[in-house]
Amino acid sequence: MTQIAFIGLGHMGLPMARNLLKAGYPLKVFDLVRSAVDILAGEGAVAAESAADAGDQAQVVISMLPASRHVEGLYLGEDGLLARLPAGTLVIECSTIAPESARKVHAAARERGVALLDAPVSGGTAGAAAGTLTFMVGGEAQALEKARPILAAMGRNIFHAGPDGAGQVAKVCNNQVLAVQMIATAEAMAMGVANGLEPAVLAEIMRQSSGGNWTLEKYNPWPGVMENAPASKGYSGGFMAELMAKDLGLAQETASHSGNSTPMGALALQLYRLLLKQGKGKQDFSVVQQLFVQ
């Protein structure tokens, strides 16, 4: 089968890589945190000593990194991975980064004859573990068809958002909506409980009414309403508030680039930055509920 290099084995990357192993793909993995590499090596992956080592002999390279600077550092420049990959290699870049940064890496890949897709994901750590992620893909349709069986081993929904960078634009649009929904749900839950309503009853009323949204269906921010939601586990696990703040910042950059007005997104960013100032950046993003509880 296709030889795959997987670079970046954090909260999302490790379970994604694990699902590729389960699907039978030969995998060579690298992360700066050696313990993550050792975990997958114990499950059948080959441990690489560096990103360059991981990419050696790979037909497909997948990366899942924290931010734009990490992606550009991995791929660009004389010492970057693109300078080493042979023409015809497929790169699937799954990090959430600025659309302009993605387009820069696309251009460099095209110069080398390397097919690149920006393919950020939605679904969180639970979706990564279950193999039910949504991929929002930017790049050429032909490259996506080549990548589709690999993406299908990690996700359930695969969308071709458009040309270079389109996957990143779709991702920041989606996460801006998610953040605004979470904040609206959290403040309504706090208001209802403060006025004597039982949180589970209020949540169900809103879920079945015109205020229904994804957070009420899957991810209620009030502790105890949903047994398996991060809110009921001390806001642990899930999608960290600091990552939501990062994505909201990217959304604001994208809006500024295109001249769009996004006042709700701007306010959401400020509220999540406030959470970071309070030391809650490592908790799940539903911890925004605590801003509204007196």
Protein backbone atom coordinates (compact mmCIF):
# COMPACT_ATOMS: atom_id res chain seq x y z
CA MET A 1 0.00 0.00 0.00
CA THR A 2 0.90 3.68 -0.18
CA GLN A 3 3.83 4.62 2.09
CA ILE A 4 2.74 7.52 4.31
CA ALA A 5 4.77 9.90 6.46
CA PHE A 6 2.82 11.50 9.32
CA ILE A 7 4.36 14.56 10.98
CA GLY A 8 2.77 16.03 14.10
CA LEU A 9 1.35 13.61 16.67
CA GLY A 10 -0.50 15.89 19.07
CA HIS A 11 -4.04 15.54 20.40
CA MET A 12 -5.41 15.31 16.84
CA GLY A 13 -2.49 13.90 14.89
CA LEU A 14 -1.88 10.81 17.00
CA PRO A 15 -5.41 9.34 16.73
CA MET A 16 -5.54 10.27 13.04
CA ALA A 17 -2.29 8.40 12.42
CA ARG A 18 -3.56 5.48 14.49
CA ASN A 19 -6.58 5.14 12.19
CA LEU A 20 -4.28 4.98 9.19
CA LEU A 21 -2.42 2.12 10.87
CA LYS A 22 -5.72 0.37 11.53
CA ALA A 23 -6.55 0.74 7.83
CA GLY A 24 -3.32 -1.06 6.97
CA TYR A 25 -1.24 1.83 5.64
CA PRO A 26 2.54 1.59 6.14
CA LEU A 27 3.33 4.59 8.33
CA LYS A 28 6.51 6.43 9.31
CA VAL A 29 5.92 9.01 12.02
CA PHE A 30 7.66 11.98 13.61
CA ASP A 31 6.96 14.44 16.38
CA LEU A 32 9.19 16.61 18.54
CA VAL A 33 7.68 14.80 21.55
CA ARG A 34 9.37 11.42 21.41
CA SER A 35 6.81 9.70 23.63
CA ALA A 36 4.12 10.24 20.98
CA VAL A 37 6.36 8.61 18.36
CA ASP A 38 7.03 5.69 20.70
CA ILE A 39 3.31 5.08 21.25
CA LEU A 40 2.66 4.60 17.54
CA ALA A 41 5.90 2.68 17.05
CA GLY A 42 4.53 0.23 19.59
CA GLU A 43 1.43 -0.14 17.42
CA GLY A 44 3.26 -0.85 14.18
CA ALA A 45 4.48 2.47 12.81
CA VAL A 46 8.12 3.13 11.95
CA ALA A 47 9.71 5.78 14.16
CA ALA A 48 11.50 8.59 12.30
CA GLU A 49 14.36 10.60 13.75
CA SER A 50 13.34 13.82 12.00
CA ALA A 51 10.73 15.25 9.66
CA ALA A 52 13.16 14.76 6.76
CA ASP A 53 13.64 11.13 7.78
CA ALA A 54 9.88 10.62 7.91
CA GLY A 55 9.46 12.03 4.42
CA ASP A 56 12.22 9.88 2.92
CA GLN A 57 10.69 7.35 0.50
CA ALA A 58 7.17 8.50 1.34
CA GLN A 59 4.60 8.70 -1.43
CA VAL A 60 2.25 10.73 0.77
CA VAL A 61 3.12 13.20 3.54
CA ILE A 62 0.50 14.24 6.10
CA SER A 63 1.14 17.00 8.61
CA MET A 64 -0.86 18.22 11.60
CA LEU A 65 0.91 21.14 13.26
CA PRO A 66 -0.07 23.98 15.65
CA ALA A 67 0.19 27.14 13.51
CA SER A 68 1.19 28.80 10.25
CA ARG A 69 4.80 29.36 11.30
CA HIS A 70 5.26 25.67 12.02
CA VAL A 71 3.85 24.66 8.63
CA GLU A 72 6.00 27.17 6.75
CA GLY A 73 9.03 26.10 8.79
CA LEU A 74 8.44 22.45 7.91
CA TYR A 75 7.92 22.87 4.18
CA LEU A 76 9.60 26.05 2.95
CA GLY A 77 13.18 27.16 2.38
CA GLU A 78 16.34 25.37 1.35
CA ASP A 79 16.11 23.04 4.34
CA GLY A 80 12.36 22.58 4.09
CA LEU A 81 10.66 19.32 3.27
CA LEU A 82 9.52 20.46 -0.17
CA ALA A 83 13.16 20.79 -1.21
CA ARG A 84 13.61 17.07 -0.51
CA LEU A 85 10.38 15.55 -1.78
CA PRO A 86 10.41 14.18 -5.33
CA ALA A 87 7.94 15.40 -7.93
CA GLY A 88 4.71 13.45 -7.76
CA THR A 89 4.60 13.28 -3.98
CA LEU A 90 1.22 14.10 -2.44
CA VAL A 91 1.16 16.36 0.63
CA ILE A 92 -1.98 16.55 2.79
CA GLU A 93 -1.60 19.49 5.16
CA CYS A 94 -4.23 19.13 7.90
CA SER A 95 -3.22 21.97 10.24
CA THR A 96 -5.49 24.97 10.73
CA ILE A 97 -3.49 27.93 9.44
CA ALA A 98 -3.99 31.27 7.71
CA PRO A 99 -5.34 30.90 4.15
CA GLU A 100 -2.53 33.13 2.86
CA SER A 101 0.04 30.88 4.51
CA ALA A 102 -1.58 27.84 2.91
CA ARG A 103 -1.46 29.50 -0.50
CA LYS A 104 2.25 30.26 -0.01
CA VAL A 105 2.99 26.59 0.66
CA HIS A 106 0.77 25.55 -2.27
CA ALA A 107 2.80 27.77 -4.61
CA ALA A 108 6.11 26.37 -3.38
CA ALA A 109 4.84 22.81 -3.77
CA ARG A 110 3.64 23.47 -7.31
CA GLU A 111 7.11 24.74 -8.27
CA ARG A 112 8.52 21.40 -7.14
CA GLY A 113 5.90 19.32 -8.93
CA VAL A 114 4.42 18.26 -5.59
CA ALA A 115 0.62 18.02 -5.27
CA LEU A 116 -0.55 19.71 -2.07
CA LEU A 117 -3.93 19.88 -0.38
CA ASP A 118 -4.83 22.11 2.54
CA ALA A 119 -7.23 19.89 4.45
CA PRO A 120 -8.09 21.19 7.93
CA VAL A 121 -10.50 19.13 9.98
CA SER A 122 -13.55 19.48 12.18
CA GLY A 123 -14.73 17.01 14.77
CA GLY A 124 -12.30 17.41 17.65
CA THR A 125 -10.35 14.74 19.44
CA ALA A 126 -13.40 12.48 19.70
CA GLY A 127 -13.87 12.60 15.93
CA ALA A 128 -10.17 11.99 15.39
CA ALA A 129 -10.28 8.90 17.60
CA ALA A 130 -13.49 7.58 16.04
CA GLY A 131 -12.38 8.26 12.46
CA THR A 132 -15.38 10.51 11.85
CA LEU A 133 -13.66 13.81 11.08
CA THR A 134 -14.84 16.27 8.45
CA PHE A 135 -12.14 17.33 5.99
CA MET A 136 -12.44 20.72 4.27
CA VAL A 137 -10.10 20.50 1.31
CA GLY A 138 -8.47 23.18 -0.80
CA GLY A 139 -6.45 22.37 -3.91
CA GLU A 140 -6.81 20.55 -7.20
CA ALA A 141 -9.64 18.06 -7.62
CA GLN A 142 -7.28 15.47 -9.14
CA ALA A 143 -5.08 15.53 -6.04
CA LEU A 144 -8.14 15.16 -3.83
CA GLU A 145 -9.26 12.04 -5.67
CA LYS A 146 -5.83 10.54 -5.07
CA ALA A 147 -6.07 11.46 -1.39
CA ARG A 148 -9.69 10.41 -0.87
CA PRO A 149 -9.07 6.78 0.28
CA ILE A 150 -6.51 8.02 2.80
CA LEU A 151 -8.80 10.74 4.10
CA ALA A 152 -11.65 8.22 4.32
CA ALA A 153 -9.58 6.17 6.77
CA MET A 154 -9.60 9.16 9.13
CA GLY A 155 -12.91 10.88 8.43
CA ARG A 156 -16.51 10.50 7.42
CA ASN A 157 -17.12 13.71 5.43
CA ILE A 158 -14.77 14.99 2.73
CA PHE A 159 -15.59 18.30 1.06
CA HIS A 160 -13.76 19.96 -1.82
CA ALA A 161 -14.05 23.57 -0.70
CA GLY A 162 -12.30 25.00 -3.75
CA PRO A 163 -8.81 26.03 -4.94
CA ASP A 164 -5.63 26.64 -2.93
CA GLY A 165 -6.42 27.85 0.61
CA ALA A 166 -10.16 27.24 0.34
CA GLY A 167 -10.08 24.54 3.00
CA GLN A 168 -8.62 27.03 5.47
CA VAL A 169 -11.25 29.65 4.63
CA ALA A 170 -14.02 27.09 5.21
CA LYS A 171 -12.47 26.06 8.53
CA VAL A 172 -12.26 29.56 10.00
CA CYS A 173 -15.82 30.33 8.85
CA ASN A 174 -17.06 27.16 10.54
CA ASN A 175 -15.21 27.76 13.79
CA GLN A 176 -16.37 31.35 14.01
CA VAL A 177 -19.97 30.11 13.87
CA LEU A 178 -19.19 27.43 16.44
CA ALA A 179 -17.66 29.94 18.87
CA VAL A 180 -20.58 32.35 18.55
CA GLN A 181 -23.07 29.50 19.08
CA MET A 182 -21.21 28.32 22.16
CA ILE A 183 -21.13 31.80 23.68
CA ALA A 184 -24.85 32.39 22.96
CA THR A 185 -25.76 29.02 24.46
CA ALA A 186 -23.60 29.60 27.55
CA GLU A 187 -25.07 33.01 28.34
CA ALA A 188 -28.63 31.73 27.82
CA MET A 189 -28.01 28.72 30.07
CA ALA A 190 -26.65 31.00 32.79
CA MET A 191 -29.60 33.37 32.52
CA GLY A 192 -32.17 30.56 32.67
CA VAL A 193 -30.57 28.86 35.67
CA ALA A 194 -30.23 32.19 37.50
CA ASN A 195 -33.98 32.63 37.05
CA GLY A 196 -34.87 29.26 38.52
CA LEU A 197 -34.91 26.86 35.55
CA GLU A 198 -33.40 23.40 35.74
CA PRO A 199 -30.44 23.37 33.32
CA ALA A 200 -31.35 20.07 31.68
CA VAL A 201 -34.95 21.18 31.16
CA LEU A 202 -33.91 24.51 29.67
CA ALA A 203 -31.37 22.82 27.40
CA GLU A 204 -34.00 20.43 26.04
CA ILE A 205 -36.54 23.21 25.49
CA MET A 206 -34.03 25.24 23.49
CA ARG A 207 -32.75 22.16 21.65
CA GLN A 208 -36.26 21.39 20.41
CA SER A 209 -37.09 25.03 19.64
CA SER A 210 -35.88 27.73 17.28
CA GLY A 211 -32.77 28.29 19.41
CA GLY A 212 -31.55 24.76 18.67
CA ASN A 213 -27.92 24.47 17.54
CA TRP A 214 -24.99 22.07 17.49
CA THR A 215 -23.81 22.93 21.00
CA LEU A 216 -27.23 22.06 22.43
CA GLU A 217 -27.31 18.82 20.44
CA LYS A 218 -23.79 17.57 21.12
CA TYR A 219 -21.77 19.74 23.48
CA ASN A 220 -23.78 21.55 26.13
CA PRO A 221 -21.50 23.88 28.17
CA TRP A 222 -23.41 23.51 31.46
CA PRO A 223 -21.92 20.83 33.76
CA GLY A 224 -24.09 17.76 34.22
CA VAL A 225 -26.46 18.33 31.32
CA MET A 226 -24.59 15.96 29.00
CA GLU A 227 -22.68 13.15 30.71
CA ASN A 228 -19.95 12.84 28.08
CA ALA A 229 -19.50 16.52 27.27
CA PRO A 230 -16.26 18.19 28.46
CA ALA A 231 -18.35 20.48 30.71
CA SER A 232 -19.27 17.42 32.80
CA LYS A 233 -15.62 16.41 33.08
CA GLY A 234 -14.22 19.64 34.49
CA TYR A 235 -13.95 21.07 30.96
CA SER A 236 -11.18 18.58 30.19
CA GLY A 237 -10.53 17.03 26.79
CA GLY A 238 -12.22 18.27 23.64
CA PHE A 239 -11.02 21.39 21.82
CA MET A 240 -8.87 23.72 23.89
CA ALA A 241 -9.96 27.33 24.38
CA GLU A 242 -6.53 28.53 23.24
CA LEU A 243 -7.05 26.79 19.90
CA MET A 244 -10.47 28.40 19.50
CA ALA A 245 -8.84 31.77 20.19
CA LYS A 246 -6.23 30.99 17.52
CA ASP A 247 -8.89 30.08 14.97
CA LEU A 248 -10.94 33.18 15.75
CA GLY A 249 -7.80 35.25 15.23
CA LEU A 250 -7.31 33.60 11.84
CA ALA A 251 -10.94 34.38 11.01
CA GLN A 252 -10.35 38.05 11.79
CA GLU A 253 -7.24 38.06 9.58
CA THR A 254 -9.24 36.48 6.78
CA ALA A 255 -12.06 39.01 7.17
CA SER A 256 -9.58 41.88 7.14
CA HIS A 257 -7.97 40.55 3.96
CA SER A 258 -11.32 40.46 2.15
CA GLY A 259 -12.80 43.60 3.75
CA ASN A 260 -15.61 41.78 5.55
CA SER A 261 -17.26 43.03 8.73
CA THR A 262 -17.48 40.29 11.39
CA PRO A 263 -18.52 41.97 14.67
CA MET A 264 -19.76 38.75 16.28
CA GLY A 265 -16.52 37.00 15.44
CA ALA A 266 -14.52 39.93 16.83
CA LEU A 267 -16.44 39.83 20.11
CA ALA A 268 -16.03 36.06 20.35
CA LEU A 269 -12.27 36.47 19.93
CA GLN A 270 -12.12 38.99 22.79
CA LEU A 271 -14.07 36.68 25.11
CA TYR A 272 -11.79 33.74 24.35
CA ARG A 273 -8.72 35.90 24.86
CA LEU A 274 -10.17 36.81 28.25
CA LEU A 275 -10.36 33.11 29.09
CA LEU A 276 -6.70 32.77 28.18
CA LYS A 277 -5.85 35.66 30.53
CA GLN A 278 -7.69 33.75 33.26
CA GLY A 279 -5.47 30.72 32.71
CA LYS A 280 -8.17 28.59 31.10
CA GLY A 281 -6.60 28.18 27.67
CA LYS A 282 -5.90 24.46 28.12
CA GLN A 283 -9.51 23.70 29.06
CA ASP A 284 -12.20 22.86 26.53
CA PHE A 285 -13.64 25.86 24.72
CA SER A 286 -17.02 25.30 26.39
CA VAL A 287 -15.38 26.69 29.53
CA VAL A 288 -16.64 30.04 28.21
CA GLN A 289 -19.70 29.11 30.31
CA GLN A 290 -17.79 30.24 33.38
CA LEU A 291 -17.73 33.84 32.16
CA PHE A 292 -21.49 34.04 32.70
CA VAL A 293 -21.93 32.22 36.02
CA GLN A 294 -22.20 34.54 39.01
